[in-house]
Amino acid sequence: MARPIIPFALPAAAQAALEAFTRTGRRPVRAVRRAQALLALATGIGQQAAGKAVGLSRQAVSQLRR
């Protein structure tokens, strides 16, 4: 049985900061992937789908939510 998707609320200021972080300059890939995973979670998709979209495991995305 699939786990229910728990909503992830991301404040507008934080979302704007993460979007800017992922778009500008040279950044460590690890940090950019984490930011992209958080942005994906904010759209309402599940942890596994968010992880698959950015190249992280479900467990890694789960830890980011905390």
PDB file of N, CA and C in Angstrom:
ATOM      1  N   MET A   1       0.835  -1.168   0.000  1.00  0.00           N
ATOM      2  CA  MET A   1       0.000   0.000   0.000  1.00  0.00           C
ATOM      3  C   MET A   1       0.890   1.245   0.000  1.00  0.00           C
ATOM      4  N   ALA A   2       0.572   2.184  -0.849  1.00  0.00           N
ATOM      5  CA  ALA A   2       1.357   3.407  -0.955  1.00  0.00           C
ATOM      6  C   ALA A   2       1.130   4.312   0.247  1.00  0.00           C
ATOM      7  N   ARG A   3       2.163   5.014   0.611  1.00  0.00           N
ATOM      8  CA  ARG A   3       2.055   5.965   1.711  1.00  0.00           C
ATOM      9  C   ARG A   3       1.351   7.223   1.216  1.00  0.00           C
ATOM     10  N   PRO A   4       0.570   7.866   2.087  1.00  0.00           N
ATOM     11  CA  PRO A   4      -0.079   9.108   1.668  1.00  0.00           C
ATOM     12  C   PRO A   4       0.957  10.229   1.519  1.00  0.00           C
ATOM     13  N   ILE A   5       0.682  11.142   0.616  1.00  0.00           N
ATOM     14  CA  ILE A   5       1.574  12.276   0.399  1.00  0.00           C
ATOM     15  C   ILE A   5       1.246  13.343   1.433  1.00  0.00           C
ATOM     16  N   ILE A   6       2.223  13.675   2.250  1.00  0.00           N
ATOM     17  CA  ILE A   6       2.042  14.700   3.273  1.00  0.00           C
ATOM     18  C   ILE A   6       2.412  16.045   2.652  1.00  0.00           C
ATOM     19  N   PRO A   7       1.511  17.025   2.716  1.00  0.00           N
ATOM     20  CA  PRO A   7       1.802  18.331   2.112  1.00  0.00           C
ATOM     21  C   PRO A   7       3.066  18.965   2.699  1.00  0.00           C
ATOM     22  N   PHE A   8       3.812  19.619   1.858  1.00  0.00           N
ATOM     23  CA  PHE A   8       5.035  20.303   2.269  1.00  0.00           C
ATOM     24  C   PHE A   8       4.858  21.777   1.966  1.00  0.00           C
ATOM     25  N   ALA A   9       4.755  22.578   3.008  1.00  0.00           N
ATOM     26  CA  ALA A   9       4.551  24.019   2.833  1.00  0.00           C
ATOM     27  C   ALA A   9       5.901  24.728   2.818  1.00  0.00           C
ATOM     28  N   LEU A  10       6.107  25.518   1.798  1.00  0.00           N
ATOM     29  CA  LEU A  10       7.345  26.274   1.658  1.00  0.00           C
ATOM     30  C   LEU A  10       6.962  27.746   1.554  1.00  0.00           C
ATOM     31  N   PRO A  11       7.399  28.582   2.494  1.00  0.00           N
ATOM     32  CA  PRO A  11       7.060  30.009   2.429  1.00  0.00           C
ATOM     33  C   PRO A  11       7.517  30.619   1.105  1.00  0.00           C
ATOM     34  N   ALA A  12       6.803  31.640   0.658  1.00  0.00           N
ATOM     35  CA  ALA A  12       7.101  32.268  -0.633  1.00  0.00           C
ATOM     36  C   ALA A  12       8.529  32.800  -0.688  1.00  0.00           C
ATOM     37  N   ALA A  13       8.989  33.388   0.392  1.00  0.00           N
ATOM     38  CA  ALA A  13      10.354  33.928   0.408  1.00  0.00           C
ATOM     39  C   ALA A  13      11.387  32.810   0.275  1.00  0.00           C
ATOM     40  N   ALA A  14      11.153  31.705   0.958  1.00  0.00           N
ATOM     41  CA  ALA A  14      12.077  30.575   0.873  1.00  0.00           C
ATOM     42  C   ALA A  14      12.058  29.962  -0.518  1.00  0.00           C
ATOM     43  N   GLN A  15      10.869  29.872  -1.112  1.00  0.00           N
ATOM     44  CA  GLN A  15      10.763  29.312  -2.458  1.00  0.00           C
ATOM     45  C   GLN A  15      11.505  30.194  -3.460  1.00  0.00           C
ATOM     46  N   ALA A  16      11.340  31.504  -3.338  1.00  0.00           N
ATOM     47  CA  ALA A  16      12.037  32.418  -4.245  1.00  0.00           C
ATOM     48  C   ALA A  16      13.552  32.309  -4.070  1.00  0.00           C
ATOM     49  N   ALA A  17      13.997  32.181  -2.833  1.00  0.00           N
ATOM     50  CA  ALA A  17      15.433  32.056  -2.572  1.00  0.00           C
ATOM     51  C   ALA A  17      15.990  30.756  -3.153  1.00  0.00           C
ATOM     52  N   LEU A  18      15.247  29.656  -3.007  1.00  0.00           N
ATOM     53  CA  LEU A  18      15.702  28.377  -3.554  1.00  0.00           C
ATOM     54  C   LEU A  18      15.730  28.404  -5.079  1.00  0.00           C
ATOM     55  N   GLU A  19      14.726  29.030  -5.688  1.00  0.00           N
ATOM     56  CA  GLU A  19      14.708  29.127  -7.152  1.00  0.00           C
ATOM     57  C   GLU A  19      15.893  29.944  -7.653  1.00  0.00           C
ATOM     58  N   ALA A  20      16.184  31.048  -6.979  1.00  0.00           N
ATOM     59  CA  ALA A  20      17.332  31.865  -7.370  1.00  0.00           C
ATOM     60  C   ALA A  20      18.635  31.095  -7.164  1.00  0.00           C
ATOM     61  N   PHE A  21      18.712  30.346  -6.087  1.00  0.00           N
ATOM     62  CA  PHE A  21      19.909  29.555  -5.786  1.00  0.00           C
ATOM     63  C   PHE A  21      20.182  28.528  -6.877  1.00  0.00           C
ATOM     64  N   THR A  22      19.125  27.896  -7.379  1.00  0.00           N
ATOM     65  CA  THR A  22      19.320  26.845  -8.381  1.00  0.00           C
ATOM     66  C   THR A  22      19.620  27.407  -9.764  1.00  0.00           C
ATOM     67  N   ARG A  23      19.303  28.666 -10.002  1.00  0.00           N
ATOM     68  CA  ARG A  23      19.476  29.239 -11.331  1.00  0.00           C
ATOM     69  C   ARG A  23      20.774  30.002 -11.535  1.00  0.00           C
ATOM     70  N   THR A  24      21.310  30.591 -10.487  1.00  0.00           N
ATOM     71  CA  THR A  24      22.408  31.533 -10.684  1.00  0.00           C
ATOM     72  C   THR A  24      23.744  30.994 -10.198  1.00  0.00           C
ATOM     73  N   GLY A  25      24.781  31.362 -10.914  1.00  0.00           N
ATOM     74  CA  GLY A  25      26.139  31.089 -10.479  1.00  0.00           C
ATOM     75  C   GLY A  25      26.547  29.626 -10.468  1.00  0.00           C
ATOM     76  N   ARG A  26      27.748  29.424 -10.002  1.00  0.00           N
ATOM     77  CA  ARG A  26      28.281  28.068  -9.859  1.00  0.00           C
ATOM     78  C   ARG A  26      28.060  27.636  -8.425  1.00  0.00           C
ATOM     79  N   ARG A  27      27.391  26.533  -8.259  1.00  0.00           N
ATOM     80  CA  ARG A  27      27.071  26.007  -6.936  1.00  0.00           C
ATOM     81  C   ARG A  27      27.449  24.527  -6.885  1.00  0.00           C
ATOM     82  N   PRO A  28      27.671  24.013  -5.691  1.00  0.00           N
ATOM     83  CA  PRO A  28      27.901  22.571  -5.566  1.00  0.00           C
ATOM     84  C   PRO A  28      26.659  21.787  -6.013  1.00  0.00           C
ATOM     85  N   VAL A  29      26.873  20.757  -6.784  1.00  0.00           N
ATOM     86  CA  VAL A  29      25.766  19.963  -7.321  1.00  0.00           C
ATOM     87  C   VAL A  29      24.904  19.411  -6.195  1.00  0.00           C
ATOM     88  N   ARG A  30      25.537  18.996  -5.125  1.00  0.00           N
ATOM     89  CA  ARG A  30      24.805  18.427  -3.992  1.00  0.00           C
ATOM     90  C   ARG A  30      23.786  19.427  -3.435  1.00  0.00           C
ATOM     91  N   ALA A  31      24.187  20.672  -3.278  1.00  0.00           N
ATOM     92  CA  ALA A  31      23.297  21.698  -2.739  1.00  0.00           C
ATOM     93  C   ALA A  31      22.175  22.032  -3.720  1.00  0.00           C
ATOM     94  N   VAL A  32      22.501  22.076  -5.004  1.00  0.00           N
ATOM     95  CA  VAL A  32      21.483  22.385  -6.011  1.00  0.00           C
ATOM     96  C   VAL A  32      20.438  21.276  -6.074  1.00  0.00           C
ATOM     97  N   ARG A  33      20.870  20.023  -6.021  1.00  0.00           N
ATOM     98  CA  ARG A  33      19.916  18.908  -6.054  1.00  0.00           C
ATOM     99  C   ARG A  33      19.002  18.924  -4.841  1.00  0.00           C
ATOM    100  N   ARG A  34      19.548  19.264  -3.695  1.00  0.00           N
ATOM    101  CA  ARG A  34      18.717  19.352  -2.494  1.00  0.00           C
ATOM    102  C   ARG A  34      17.683  20.463  -2.635  1.00  0.00           C
ATOM    103  N   ALA A  35      18.104  21.604  -3.153  1.00  0.00           N
ATOM    104  CA  ALA A  35      17.173  22.715  -3.352  1.00  0.00           C
ATOM    105  C   ALA A  35      16.089  22.330  -4.358  1.00  0.00           C
ATOM    106  N   GLN A  36      16.476  21.655  -5.431  1.00  0.00           N
ATOM    107  CA  GLN A  36      15.503  21.221  -6.432  1.00  0.00           C
ATOM    108  C   GLN A  36      14.517  20.221  -5.846  1.00  0.00           C
ATOM    109  N   ALA A  37      14.981  19.351  -4.975  1.00  0.00           N
ATOM    110  CA  ALA A  37      14.091  18.380  -4.336  1.00  0.00           C
ATOM    111  C   ALA A  37      13.069  19.085  -3.452  1.00  0.00           C
ATOM    112  N   LEU A  38      13.498  20.089  -2.704  1.00  0.00           N
ATOM    113  CA  LEU A  38      12.567  20.844  -1.862  1.00  0.00           C
ATOM    114  C   LEU A  38      11.538  21.585  -2.711  1.00  0.00           C
ATOM    115  N   LEU A  39      11.975  22.143  -3.825  1.00  0.00           N
ATOM    116  CA  LEU A  39      11.038  22.826  -4.721  1.00  0.00           C
ATOM    117  C   LEU A  39      10.044  21.836  -5.324  1.00  0.00           C
ATOM    118  N   ALA A  40      10.510  20.646  -5.645  1.00  0.00           N
ATOM    119  CA  ALA A  40       9.614  19.623  -6.188  1.00  0.00           C
ATOM    120  C   ALA A  40       8.592  19.192  -5.143  1.00  0.00           C
ATOM    121  N   LEU A  41       9.019  19.035  -3.904  1.00  0.00           N
ATOM    122  CA  LEU A  41       8.084  18.673  -2.833  1.00  0.00           C
ATOM    123  C   LEU A  41       7.021  19.751  -2.653  1.00  0.00           C
ATOM    124  N   ALA A  42       7.410  20.995  -2.815  1.00  0.00           N
ATOM    125  CA  ALA A  42       6.467  22.103  -2.640  1.00  0.00           C
ATOM    126  C   ALA A  42       5.379  22.097  -3.708  1.00  0.00           C
ATOM    127  N   THR A  43       5.632  21.447  -4.848  1.00  0.00           N
ATOM    128  CA  THR A  43       4.609  21.381  -5.893  1.00  0.00           C
ATOM    129  C   THR A  43       3.549  20.335  -5.596  1.00  0.00           C
ATOM    130  N   GLY A  44       3.830  19.466  -4.610  1.00  0.00           N
ATOM    131  CA  GLY A  44       2.827  18.488  -4.208  1.00  0.00           C
ATOM    132  C   GLY A  44       3.097  17.060  -4.638  1.00  0.00           C
ATOM    133  N   ILE A  45       4.244  16.804  -5.244  1.00  0.00           N
ATOM    134  CA  ILE A  45       4.538  15.422  -5.617  1.00  0.00           C
ATOM    135  C   ILE A  45       5.143  14.698  -4.420  1.00  0.00           C
ATOM    136  N   GLY A  46       5.190  13.408  -4.473  1.00  0.00           N
ATOM    137  CA  GLY A  46       5.694  12.603  -3.363  1.00  0.00           C
ATOM    138  C   GLY A  46       7.208  12.604  -3.275  1.00  0.00           C
ATOM    139  N   GLN A  47       7.697  12.029  -2.191  1.00  0.00           N
ATOM    140  CA  GLN A  47       9.136  11.994  -1.947  1.00  0.00           C
ATOM    141  C   GLN A  47       9.873  11.164  -2.989  1.00  0.00           C
ATOM    142  N   GLN A  48       9.302  10.044  -3.357  1.00  0.00           N
ATOM    143  CA  GLN A  48       9.976   9.179  -4.327  1.00  0.00           C
ATOM    144  C   GLN A  48      10.042   9.857  -5.692  1.00  0.00           C
ATOM    145  N   ALA A  49       8.953  10.486  -6.110  1.00  0.00           N
ATOM    146  CA  ALA A  49       8.938  11.172  -7.402  1.00  0.00           C
ATOM    147  C   ALA A  49       9.885  12.370  -7.397  1.00  0.00           C
ATOM    148  N   ALA A  50       9.926  13.096  -6.296  1.00  0.00           N
ATOM    149  CA  ALA A  50      10.831  14.247  -6.187  1.00  0.00           C
ATOM    150  C   ALA A  50      12.281  13.778  -6.255  1.00  0.00           C
ATOM    151  N   GLY A  51      12.583  12.702  -5.562  1.00  0.00           N
ATOM    152  CA  GLY A  51      13.938  12.171  -5.591  1.00  0.00           C
ATOM    153  C   GLY A  51      14.343  11.686  -6.964  1.00  0.00           C
ATOM    154  N   LYS A  52      13.430  11.011  -7.620  1.00  0.00           N
ATOM    155  CA  LYS A  52      13.715  10.494  -8.961  1.00  0.00           C
ATOM    156  C   LYS A  52      13.941  11.641  -9.947  1.00  0.00           C
ATOM    157  N   ALA A  53      13.196  12.722  -9.777  1.00  0.00           N
ATOM    158  CA  ALA A  53      13.311  13.863 -10.684  1.00  0.00           C
ATOM    159  C   ALA A  53      14.672  14.552 -10.586  1.00  0.00           C
ATOM    160  N   VAL A  54      15.272  14.539  -9.406  1.00  0.00           N
ATOM    161  CA  VAL A  54      16.535  15.260  -9.225  1.00  0.00           C
ATOM    162  C   VAL A  54      17.735  14.349  -8.987  1.00  0.00           C
ATOM    163  N   GLY A  55      17.514  13.050  -8.922  1.00  0.00           N
ATOM    164  CA  GLY A  55      18.623  12.119  -8.761  1.00  0.00           C
ATOM    165  C   GLY A  55      18.993  11.815  -7.323  1.00  0.00           C
ATOM    166  N   LEU A  56      18.021  11.871  -6.424  1.00  0.00           N
ATOM    167  CA  LEU A  56      18.241  11.529  -5.022  1.00  0.00           C
ATOM    168  C   LEU A  56      17.355  10.347  -4.648  1.00  0.00           C
ATOM    169  N   SER A  57      17.699   9.681  -3.566  1.00  0.00           N
ATOM    170  CA  SER A  57      16.861   8.583  -3.090  1.00  0.00           C
ATOM    171  C   SER A  57      15.677   9.130  -2.297  1.00  0.00           C
ATOM    172  N   ARG A  58      14.668   8.284  -2.095  1.00  0.00           N
ATOM    173  CA  ARG A  58      13.514   8.692  -1.298  1.00  0.00           C
ATOM    174  C   ARG A  58      13.939   9.009   0.124  1.00  0.00           C
ATOM    175  N   GLN A  59      14.887   8.242   0.639  1.00  0.00           N
ATOM    176  CA  GLN A  59      15.364   8.461   2.002  1.00  0.00           C
ATOM    177  C   GLN A  59      16.051   9.821   2.135  1.00  0.00           C
ATOM    178  N   ALA A  60      16.826  10.198   1.143  1.00  0.00           N
ATOM    179  CA  ALA A  60      17.504  11.498   1.178  1.00  0.00           C
ATOM    180  C   ALA A  60      16.488  12.634   1.162  1.00  0.00           C
ATOM    181  N   VAL A  61      15.452  12.488   0.345  1.00  0.00           N
ATOM    182  CA  VAL A  61      14.415  13.517   0.280  1.00  0.00           C
ATOM    183  C   VAL A  61      13.653  13.568   1.598  1.00  0.00           C
ATOM    184  N   SER A  62      13.416  12.417   2.186  1.00  0.00           N
ATOM    185  CA  SER A  62      12.730  12.364   3.475  1.00  0.00           C
ATOM    186  C   SER A  62      13.519  13.115   4.543  1.00  0.00           C
ATOM    187  N   GLN A  63      14.826  12.970   4.532  1.00  0.00           N
ATOM    188  CA  GLN A  63      15.661  13.678   5.500  1.00  0.00           C
ATOM    189  C   GLN A  63      15.660  15.180   5.256  1.00  0.00           C
ATOM    190  N   LEU A  64      15.531  15.597   4.009  1.00  0.00           N
ATOM    191  CA  LEU A  64      15.480  17.027   3.703  1.00  0.00           C
ATOM    192  C   LEU A  64      14.224  17.683   4.267  1.00  0.00           C
ATOM    193  N   ARG A  65      13.150  16.933   4.304  1.00  0.00           N
ATOM    194  CA  ARG A  65      11.889  17.484   4.817  1.00  0.00           C
ATOM    195  C   ARG A  65      11.987  17.856   6.283  1.00  0.00           C
ATOM    196  N   ARG A  66      12.876  17.210   7.009  1.00  0.00           N
ATOM    197  CA  ARG A  66      12.972  17.441   8.464  1.00  0.00           C
ATOM    198  C   ARG A  66      13.649  18.702   8.779  1.00  0.00           C
TER     199      ARG A  66
END
